[in-house]
Amino acid sequence: MIDKKILKLDRIVYYGFSRDDKILDLATKCKNDNKVLVVIVPATKNYDKALQESIAVLNDRIWVYELSLGLMANLKSKAELYCELNKKAKLYND
């Protein structure tokens, strides 16, 4: 069960691939700034090292969404939609 306080935190939304080292940089920044990191990636059997380490850093403050159609345009579209629907979210990749 998620801590209700986490739902009130601001969110940084990142879309891309789970191997991107930028995810780990963002995870560290989100931890320091007390924010939630939302990551939208293509569906995969195993996350790459960058995303695995980010999950270890943030625990329940990283929310990973997987898309079966993992084209960059589709990832971006879903990230933009997430930000439209969640006013506490800010798109990082823009």
C-alpha atoms as a PDB file:
ATOM      1  CA  MET A   1       0.000   0.000   0.000  1.00  0.00           C
ATOM      2  CA  ILE A   2       1.279   3.413  -0.951  1.00  0.00           C
ATOM      3  CA  ASP A   3       1.834   6.118   1.642  1.00  0.00           C
ATOM      4  CA  LYS A   4      -0.786   8.855   1.075  1.00  0.00           C
ATOM      5  CA  LYS A   5       1.888  11.534   1.593  1.00  0.00           C
ATOM      6  CA  ILE A   6       3.673  10.326  -1.530  1.00  0.00           C
ATOM      7  CA  LEU A   7       0.607  11.093  -3.639  1.00  0.00           C
ATOM      8  CA  LYS A   8       0.907  14.761  -2.657  1.00  0.00           C
ATOM      9  CA  LEU A   9       4.520  15.090  -3.826  1.00  0.00           C
ATOM     10  CA  ASP A  10       5.442  16.773  -7.084  1.00  0.00           C
ATOM     11  CA  ARG A  11       6.425  14.405  -9.880  1.00  0.00           C
ATOM     12  CA  ILE A  12       9.054  14.427 -12.585  1.00  0.00           C
ATOM     13  CA  VAL A  13       8.000  12.450 -15.672  1.00  0.00           C
ATOM     14  CA  TYR A  14      10.666  10.832 -17.841  1.00  0.00           C
ATOM     15  CA  TYR A  15      10.085   8.811 -20.991  1.00  0.00           C
ATOM     16  CA  GLY A  16      12.719   6.748 -22.727  1.00  0.00           C
ATOM     17  CA  PHE A  17      14.573   3.478 -22.376  1.00  0.00           C
ATOM     18  CA  SER A  18      15.426   1.720 -19.101  1.00  0.00           C
ATOM     19  CA  ARG A  19      19.141   1.736 -20.007  1.00  0.00           C
ATOM     20  CA  ASP A  20      19.372   5.551 -20.058  1.00  0.00           C
ATOM     21  CA  ASP A  21      21.757   6.714 -17.306  1.00  0.00           C
ATOM     22  CA  LYS A  22      19.778   9.948 -17.028  1.00  0.00           C
ATOM     23  CA  ILE A  23      17.171   7.987 -15.067  1.00  0.00           C
ATOM     24  CA  LEU A  24      19.675   7.387 -12.263  1.00  0.00           C
ATOM     25  CA  ASP A  25      20.635  11.084 -12.230  1.00  0.00           C
ATOM     26  CA  LEU A  26      16.966  12.005 -11.965  1.00  0.00           C
ATOM     27  CA  ALA A  27      16.390   9.438  -9.218  1.00  0.00           C
ATOM     28  CA  THR A  28      19.135  10.999  -7.115  1.00  0.00           C
ATOM     29  CA  LYS A  29      17.744  14.489  -7.723  1.00  0.00           C
ATOM     30  CA  CYS A  30      14.205  13.363  -6.878  1.00  0.00           C
ATOM     31  CA  LYS A  31      15.427  11.778  -3.654  1.00  0.00           C
ATOM     32  CA  ASN A  32      17.218  14.978  -2.639  1.00  0.00           C
ATOM     33  CA  ASP A  33      14.257  17.186  -3.640  1.00  0.00           C
ATOM     34  CA  ASN A  34      11.606  14.860  -2.137  1.00  0.00           C
ATOM     35  CA  LYS A  35       9.833  14.249  -5.445  1.00  0.00           C
ATOM     36  CA  VAL A  36       8.383  11.219  -7.197  1.00  0.00           C
ATOM     37  CA  LEU A  37       9.972  10.015 -10.437  1.00  0.00           C
ATOM     38  CA  VAL A  38       7.540   8.657 -13.020  1.00  0.00           C
ATOM     39  CA  VAL A  39       9.303   6.628 -15.714  1.00  0.00           C
ATOM     40  CA  ILE A  40       7.572   5.545 -18.919  1.00  0.00           C
ATOM     41  CA  VAL A  41       9.523   2.845 -20.768  1.00  0.00           C
ATOM     42  CA  PRO A  42       8.901   0.138 -23.361  1.00  0.00           C
ATOM     43  CA  ALA A  43       7.766  -3.189 -21.916  1.00  0.00           C
ATOM     44  CA  THR A  44      10.671  -5.556 -21.272  1.00  0.00           C
ATOM     45  CA  LYS A  45      11.417  -8.786 -19.448  1.00  0.00           C
ATOM     46  CA  ASN A  46      14.282  -7.231 -17.477  1.00  0.00           C
ATOM     47  CA  TYR A  47      15.040  -3.622 -16.620  1.00  0.00           C
ATOM     48  CA  ASP A  48      18.493  -2.371 -17.473  1.00  0.00           C
ATOM     49  CA  LYS A  49      20.993  -1.394 -14.779  1.00  0.00           C
ATOM     50  CA  ALA A  50      20.114   2.325 -14.725  1.00  0.00           C
ATOM     51  CA  LEU A  51      16.448   1.686 -13.950  1.00  0.00           C
ATOM     52  CA  GLN A  52      17.210  -1.086 -11.462  1.00  0.00           C
ATOM     53  CA  GLU A  53      19.542   1.205  -9.520  1.00  0.00           C
ATOM     54  CA  SER A  54      16.985   4.023  -9.639  1.00  0.00           C
ATOM     55  CA  ILE A  55      14.371   1.728  -8.129  1.00  0.00           C
ATOM     56  CA  ALA A  56      16.827   0.891  -5.337  1.00  0.00           C
ATOM     57  CA  VAL A  57      17.428   4.611  -4.686  1.00  0.00           C
ATOM     58  CA  LEU A  58      13.788   5.716  -4.617  1.00  0.00           C
ATOM     59  CA  ASN A  59      11.914   2.621  -3.406  1.00  0.00           C
ATOM     60  CA  ASP A  60       8.220   3.548  -3.528  1.00  0.00           C
ATOM     61  CA  ARG A  61       8.869   7.026  -4.946  1.00  0.00           C
ATOM     62  CA  ILE A  62       9.554   5.737  -8.456  1.00  0.00           C
ATOM     63  CA  TRP A  63       6.594   4.707 -10.549  1.00  0.00           C
ATOM     64  CA  VAL A  64       7.420   2.713 -13.658  1.00  0.00           C
ATOM     65  CA  TYR A  65       4.899   2.410 -16.471  1.00  0.00           C
ATOM     66  CA  GLU A  66       5.600   0.006 -19.327  1.00  0.00           C
ATOM     67  CA  LEU A  67       4.115   0.389 -22.797  1.00  0.00           C
ATOM     68  CA  SER A  68       3.853  -2.556 -25.128  1.00  0.00           C
ATOM     69  CA  LEU A  69       4.304  -0.285 -28.143  1.00  0.00           C
ATOM     70  CA  GLY A  70       7.575   1.299 -27.062  1.00  0.00           C
ATOM     71  CA  LEU A  71       8.236   3.719 -29.907  1.00  0.00           C
ATOM     72  CA  MET A  72       9.661   7.025 -28.690  1.00  0.00           C
ATOM     73  CA  ALA A  73       6.710   9.000 -30.120  1.00  0.00           C
ATOM     74  CA  ASN A  74       4.276   6.773 -28.226  1.00  0.00           C
ATOM     75  CA  LEU A  75       6.273   7.072 -24.993  1.00  0.00           C
ATOM     76  CA  LYS A  76       6.304  10.864 -25.350  1.00  0.00           C
ATOM     77  CA  SER A  77       2.576  10.977 -26.072  1.00  0.00           C
ATOM     78  CA  LYS A  78       1.773   8.963 -22.941  1.00  0.00           C
ATOM     79  CA  ALA A  79       4.132  11.091 -20.840  1.00  0.00           C
ATOM     80  CA  GLU A  80       2.432  14.274 -22.057  1.00  0.00           C
ATOM     81  CA  LEU A  81      -0.983  12.776 -21.320  1.00  0.00           C
ATOM     82  CA  TYR A  82       0.167  11.809 -17.820  1.00  0.00           C
ATOM     83  CA  CYS A  83       1.234  15.414 -17.201  1.00  0.00           C
ATOM     84  CA  GLU A  84      -2.068  16.768 -18.510  1.00  0.00           C
ATOM     85  CA  LEU A  85      -4.005  14.540 -16.133  1.00  0.00           C
ATOM     86  CA  ASN A  86      -1.725  15.077 -13.131  1.00  0.00           C
ATOM     87  CA  LYS A  87      -1.151  18.723 -12.316  1.00  0.00           C
ATOM     88  CA  LYS A  88       1.685  17.870  -9.906  1.00  0.00           C
ATOM     89  CA  ALA A  89       3.657  16.335 -12.785  1.00  0.00           C
ATOM     90  CA  LYS A  90       6.260  18.055 -14.934  1.00  0.00           C
ATOM     91  CA  LEU A  91       7.700  16.539 -18.091  1.00  0.00           C
ATOM     92  CA  TYR A  92      11.484  16.262 -17.878  1.00  0.00           C
ATOM     93  CA  ASN A  93      12.293  15.481 -21.527  1.00  0.00           C
ATOM     94  CA  ASP A  94      10.706  18.613 -22.956  1.00  0.00           C
END
